[in-house]
Amino acid sequence: LIGLGRFGQVIQGTLHTPDGEIISVAAKSVRRKDQQCYRNFYREAAILVTVHEDEHHNNAHSNIIQLLGLINETSQKYILMEYATKGSLLRLLRRAQKENGALAHGLLYAVDIVRALRELQRLAIAHGDVAARNVLVSANHVAKLADFGLGRDVYAPVKDFIPLNWMSVEVLERGEYTCQSDVWSFGVLLWEIATLGQEPHYGGNPHDNPSCLRLSRTLRRGIRLRRPPECSGEMYDVMMSCWYENPSERPS
């Protein structure tokens, strides 16, 4: 077992291709056999197919986790994806915090995710849960956006659970997931990189998970995540630009 979430779990496996090649894969399955889990499973598969079979690209996008196959049988359902050997960005950040207090490729990973979000914006797809825990890192230090179980077509917004402290104002108040709400979450991802994987919070107990109403009121008052001690002014300015209340004022 290499990953466990609310709707799915991921195990490491091997894929034997018709050409005789053996490939390491991450196999994602539903955790519970109910309608919501199945909806998220098929949504993730559909988004990955859309991204990697788009007519503008002959090859898989290097900063979005690659779909390798799909098992869709009654008794077992798996999405087969490339295996990112270094694991999640959040894990790397927290390991760096414990070991030496630095992550050599942190800003390069952020640039990789910008490329992934730019591609999703071109395809009019909102990810819906951009965070360090959902970024995987390959052996050659390429960051890849993953976990599209909460991803959404921007023309059909759906209210689903995601951790509140990554949410934009419009998501908290109206459940409006768009590419611009992903930009807000990307700002929080930058904050995670700058703090080496700390849990974002807006004052009080960092382990508290506030209600949508309380957090939206906090954000409406102009309160934002504080500048981390080791964060440059330029990087914090980028974060703050991602957190404009008006989505149209955020970077695109």
Protein backbone atom coordinates (compact mmCIF):
# COMPACT_ATOMS: atom_id res chain seq x y z
CA LEU A 1 0.00 0.00 0.00
CA ILE A 2 1.50 3.35 -1.04
CA GLY A 3 -1.45 5.69 -0.62
CA LEU A 4 -4.77 5.90 1.17
CA GLY A 5 -7.43 8.57 0.74
CA ARG A 6 -11.07 9.20 1.50
CA PHE A 7 -12.32 7.58 -1.70
CA GLY A 8 -9.46 5.43 -2.95
CA GLN A 9 -6.31 3.54 -2.15
CA VAL A 10 -3.15 3.02 -4.19
CA ILE A 11 -0.90 -0.02 -4.31
CA GLN A 12 2.33 -0.59 -6.21
CA GLY A 13 2.21 -3.24 -8.90
CA THR A 14 3.64 -4.36 -12.22
CA LEU A 15 2.15 -4.17 -15.70
CA HIS A 16 3.14 -6.78 -18.30
CA THR A 17 2.75 -5.24 -21.75
CA PRO A 18 2.01 -7.21 -24.96
CA ASP A 19 5.61 -6.47 -26.01
CA GLY A 20 6.93 -8.30 -22.96
CA GLU A 21 7.92 -5.15 -21.10
CA ILE A 22 7.42 -5.06 -17.33
CA ILE A 23 6.50 -1.63 -15.96
CA SER A 24 6.13 -0.52 -12.34
CA VAL A 25 2.72 1.07 -11.85
CA ALA A 26 0.61 2.68 -9.18
CA ALA A 27 -2.78 0.94 -9.18
CA LYS A 28 -5.62 2.99 -7.72
CA SER A 29 -8.87 1.35 -6.64
CA VAL A 30 -12.00 2.46 -4.83
CA ARG A 31 -11.82 2.20 -1.08
CA ARG A 32 -15.54 1.68 -0.56
CA LYS A 33 -17.98 0.15 -3.01
CA ASP A 34 -20.57 2.91 -3.08
CA GLN A 35 -21.83 5.33 -5.71
CA GLN A 36 -19.73 8.29 -4.59
CA CYS A 37 -16.50 6.28 -4.72
CA TYR A 38 -17.36 4.95 -8.16
CA ARG A 39 -18.19 8.46 -9.41
CA ASN A 40 -14.80 9.73 -8.27
CA PHE A 41 -13.08 6.69 -9.79
CA TYR A 42 -14.62 7.18 -13.24
CA ARG A 43 -14.17 10.96 -13.06
CA GLU A 44 -10.44 10.55 -12.46
CA ALA A 45 -10.09 8.05 -15.30
CA ALA A 46 -12.03 10.29 -17.69
CA ILE A 47 -9.93 13.35 -16.87
CA LEU A 48 -6.64 11.48 -17.35
CA VAL A 49 -7.86 10.16 -20.70
CA THR A 50 -8.85 13.70 -21.74
CA VAL A 51 -5.47 15.12 -20.74
CA HIS A 52 -3.30 12.45 -22.32
CA GLU A 53 -5.30 11.79 -25.48
CA ASP A 54 -5.81 15.43 -26.36
CA GLU A 55 -5.19 16.09 -30.04
CA HIS A 56 -2.60 18.79 -29.27
CA HIS A 57 -0.23 16.28 -27.66
CA ASN A 58 1.28 13.13 -29.12
CA ASN A 59 2.79 12.21 -25.77
CA ALA A 60 1.64 12.37 -22.17
CA HIS A 61 2.00 15.73 -20.45
CA SER A 62 5.19 15.50 -18.40
CA ASN A 63 3.73 17.30 -15.36
CA ILE A 64 0.48 15.35 -15.07
CA ILE A 65 0.58 11.78 -13.84
CA GLN A 66 0.34 9.42 -16.81
CA LEU A 67 -2.53 7.01 -17.34
CA LEU A 68 -1.25 3.56 -18.39
CA GLY A 69 -4.43 1.52 -18.33
CA LEU A 70 -7.81 0.82 -16.78
CA ILE A 71 -9.24 -2.38 -15.31
CA ASN A 72 -13.02 -2.11 -15.23
CA GLU A 73 -14.37 -5.48 -14.17
CA THR A 74 -17.24 -6.17 -11.80
CA SER A 75 -15.00 -7.65 -9.12
CA GLN A 76 -12.06 -5.26 -9.47
CA LYS A 77 -11.59 -1.74 -10.76
CA TYR A 78 -8.14 -0.16 -11.05
CA ILE A 79 -6.69 2.93 -12.66
CA LEU A 80 -3.11 2.07 -13.67
CA MET A 81 -0.79 5.08 -13.51
CA GLU A 82 2.92 5.68 -13.75
CA TYR A 83 4.75 5.04 -10.50
CA ALA A 84 6.49 8.16 -9.17
CA THR A 85 9.34 6.69 -7.16
CA LYS A 86 9.97 9.64 -4.84
CA GLY A 87 6.39 9.73 -3.61
CA SER A 88 4.38 12.80 -2.69
CA LEU A 89 5.79 16.31 -2.51
CA LEU A 90 4.34 16.64 1.00
CA ARG A 91 6.36 13.64 2.14
CA LEU A 92 9.55 15.11 0.63
CA LEU A 93 8.90 18.48 2.27
CA ARG A 94 8.38 17.00 5.72
CA ARG A 95 11.40 14.75 5.37
CA ALA A 96 13.52 17.78 4.43
CA GLN A 97 12.23 19.61 7.49
CA LYS A 98 13.36 16.76 9.74
CA GLU A 99 16.72 16.17 8.07
CA ASN A 100 18.27 19.46 7.02
CA GLY A 101 15.64 22.16 6.73
CA ALA A 102 15.90 22.59 2.94
CA LEU A 103 14.43 21.12 -0.24
CA ALA A 104 16.73 21.55 -3.22
CA HIS A 105 14.12 21.41 -5.98
CA GLY A 106 11.19 23.13 -4.27
CA LEU A 107 10.76 26.04 -6.66
CA LEU A 108 11.33 23.82 -9.70
CA TYR A 109 8.49 21.62 -8.48
CA ALA A 110 6.29 24.72 -8.26
CA VAL A 111 7.12 25.60 -11.87
CA ASP A 112 6.19 22.05 -12.91
CA ILE A 113 2.77 22.43 -11.30
CA VAL A 114 2.24 25.77 -13.04
CA ARG A 115 2.76 23.93 -16.33
CA ALA A 116 0.24 21.27 -15.29
CA LEU A 117 -2.35 23.89 -14.29
CA ARG A 118 -1.82 25.77 -17.54
CA GLU A 119 -2.64 22.58 -19.46
CA LEU A 120 -5.76 21.93 -17.37
CA GLN A 121 -6.88 25.50 -17.96
CA ARG A 122 -6.48 25.02 -21.71
CA LEU A 123 -8.73 21.96 -21.46
CA ALA A 124 -11.23 23.77 -19.18
CA ILE A 125 -10.68 21.27 -16.36
CA ALA A 126 -10.48 22.29 -12.71
CA HIS A 127 -8.51 19.90 -10.52
CA GLY A 128 -10.28 20.88 -7.30
CA ASP A 129 -7.64 19.76 -4.79
CA VAL A 130 -4.25 21.27 -5.67
CA ALA A 131 -2.01 20.57 -2.67
CA ALA A 132 1.41 19.13 -1.88
CA ARG A 133 -0.16 15.79 -0.93
CA ASN A 134 -1.49 15.48 -4.50
CA VAL A 135 1.80 16.21 -6.25
CA LEU A 136 4.02 13.21 -7.00
CA VAL A 137 7.72 13.37 -7.82
CA SER A 138 9.51 11.11 -10.29
CA ALA A 139 13.01 9.66 -10.01
CA ASN A 140 14.43 12.51 -12.11
CA HIS A 141 12.82 15.20 -9.90
CA VAL A 142 9.86 16.04 -12.13
CA ALA A 143 6.73 17.05 -10.21
CA LYS A 144 3.45 15.65 -11.51
CA LEU A 145 -0.06 16.69 -10.53
CA ALA A 146 -2.07 13.65 -9.47
CA ASP A 147 -5.25 12.54 -7.68
CA PHE A 148 -7.96 13.78 -10.01
CA GLY A 149 -10.67 12.03 -8.02
CA LEU A 150 -11.96 15.46 -7.06
CA GLY A 151 -11.21 17.02 -10.44
CA ARG A 152 -14.11 18.68 -12.20
CA ASP A 153 -15.19 19.88 -15.58
CA VAL A 154 -15.49 23.61 -14.95
CA TYR A 155 -18.84 23.70 -16.71
CA ALA A 156 -20.39 21.25 -14.24
CA PRO A 157 -19.36 22.30 -10.70
CA VAL A 158 -20.04 19.70 -8.04
CA LYS A 159 -19.84 20.09 -4.27
CA ASP A 160 -17.51 17.51 -2.76
CA PHE A 161 -15.26 17.46 0.26
CA ILE A 162 -11.76 18.88 0.13
CA PRO A 163 -9.72 20.24 3.06
CA LEU A 164 -11.02 23.73 3.75
CA ASN A 165 -7.76 25.60 4.27
CA TRP A 166 -6.87 25.13 0.58
CA MET A 167 -10.25 26.51 -0.59
CA SER A 168 -10.90 29.87 -2.21
CA VAL A 169 -13.69 32.18 -1.09
CA GLU A 170 -16.01 31.23 -3.96
CA VAL A 171 -15.55 27.52 -3.27
CA LEU A 172 -16.28 27.95 0.43
CA GLU A 173 -19.38 30.02 -0.19
CA ARG A 174 -20.87 28.65 -3.40
CA GLY A 175 -19.02 25.48 -4.34
CA GLU A 176 -17.71 27.15 -7.52
CA TYR A 177 -14.69 25.13 -8.62
CA THR A 178 -12.85 26.72 -11.53
CA CYS A 179 -9.33 26.99 -12.87
CA GLN A 180 -9.06 30.24 -10.89
CA SER A 181 -9.95 28.47 -7.65
CA ASP A 182 -7.08 26.09 -8.50
CA VAL A 183 -4.83 29.17 -8.66
CA TRP A 184 -5.85 30.02 -5.08
CA SER A 185 -4.97 26.48 -3.99
CA PHE A 186 -1.66 26.75 -5.84
CA GLY A 187 -0.84 29.76 -3.65
CA VAL A 188 -1.38 27.52 -0.62
CA LEU A 189 0.86 24.90 -2.25
CA LEU A 190 3.60 27.54 -2.52
CA TRP A 191 3.10 28.24 1.18
CA GLU A 192 3.51 24.51 1.89
CA ILE A 193 6.79 24.51 -0.04
CA ALA A 194 8.04 27.58 1.83
CA THR A 195 7.19 26.03 5.22
CA LEU A 196 8.46 22.54 4.31
CA GLY A 197 5.07 20.93 4.60
CA GLN A 198 3.41 22.67 7.51
CA GLU A 199 -0.37 22.50 7.76
CA PRO A 200 -1.87 25.81 6.56
CA HIS A 201 -4.03 27.62 9.10
CA TYR A 202 -5.38 31.10 9.68
CA GLY A 203 -4.56 31.58 13.36
CA GLY A 204 -5.72 29.61 16.36
CA ASN A 205 -5.01 25.90 16.67
CA PRO A 206 -3.29 24.68 13.46
CA HIS A 207 -5.10 21.34 13.83
CA ASP A 208 -8.54 22.96 13.80
CA ASN A 209 -10.56 22.54 10.61
CA PRO A 210 -12.94 25.53 10.62
CA SER A 211 -16.39 25.57 9.09
CA CYS A 212 -16.91 26.94 5.58
CA LEU A 213 -18.82 29.92 6.98
CA ARG A 214 -16.21 30.83 9.58
CA LEU A 215 -13.31 30.51 7.17
CA SER A 216 -15.05 32.49 4.42
CA ARG A 217 -15.70 35.30 6.90
CA THR A 218 -12.02 35.24 7.86
CA LEU A 219 -10.96 35.51 4.22
CA ARG A 220 -13.53 38.24 3.51
CA ARG A 221 -11.85 40.31 6.23
CA GLY A 222 -8.64 40.14 4.20
CA ILE A 223 -6.85 37.68 6.48
CA ARG A 224 -4.42 35.43 4.62
CA LEU A 225 -1.77 32.86 5.51
CA ARG A 226 1.17 34.60 7.14
CA ARG A 227 4.48 35.00 5.37
CA PRO A 228 6.75 32.11 6.42
CA PRO A 229 10.00 33.19 8.12
CA GLU A 230 12.28 31.84 5.36
CA CYS A 231 10.08 33.03 2.49
CA SER A 232 11.32 35.83 0.23
CA GLY A 233 9.17 38.90 -0.31
CA GLU A 234 8.91 38.09 -4.01
CA MET A 235 7.59 34.60 -3.39
CA TYR A 236 5.09 35.84 -0.82
CA ASP A 237 3.89 38.45 -3.32
CA VAL A 238 3.14 35.61 -5.74
CA MET A 239 1.19 33.78 -3.03
CA MET A 240 -0.81 36.90 -2.20
CA SER A 241 -1.66 37.45 -5.87
CA CYS A 242 -3.14 33.93 -5.93
CA TRP A 243 -5.36 34.85 -2.97
CA TYR A 244 -7.19 37.84 -4.42
CA GLU A 245 -10.83 37.65 -3.46
CA ASN A 246 -11.91 38.37 -7.04
CA PRO A 247 -10.99 35.29 -9.15
CA SER A 248 -10.44 37.40 -12.28
CA GLU A 249 -7.60 39.29 -10.55
CA ARG A 250 -5.59 36.14 -9.86
CA PRO A 251 -2.80 35.02 -12.22
CA SER A 252 -3.93 32.90 -15.15
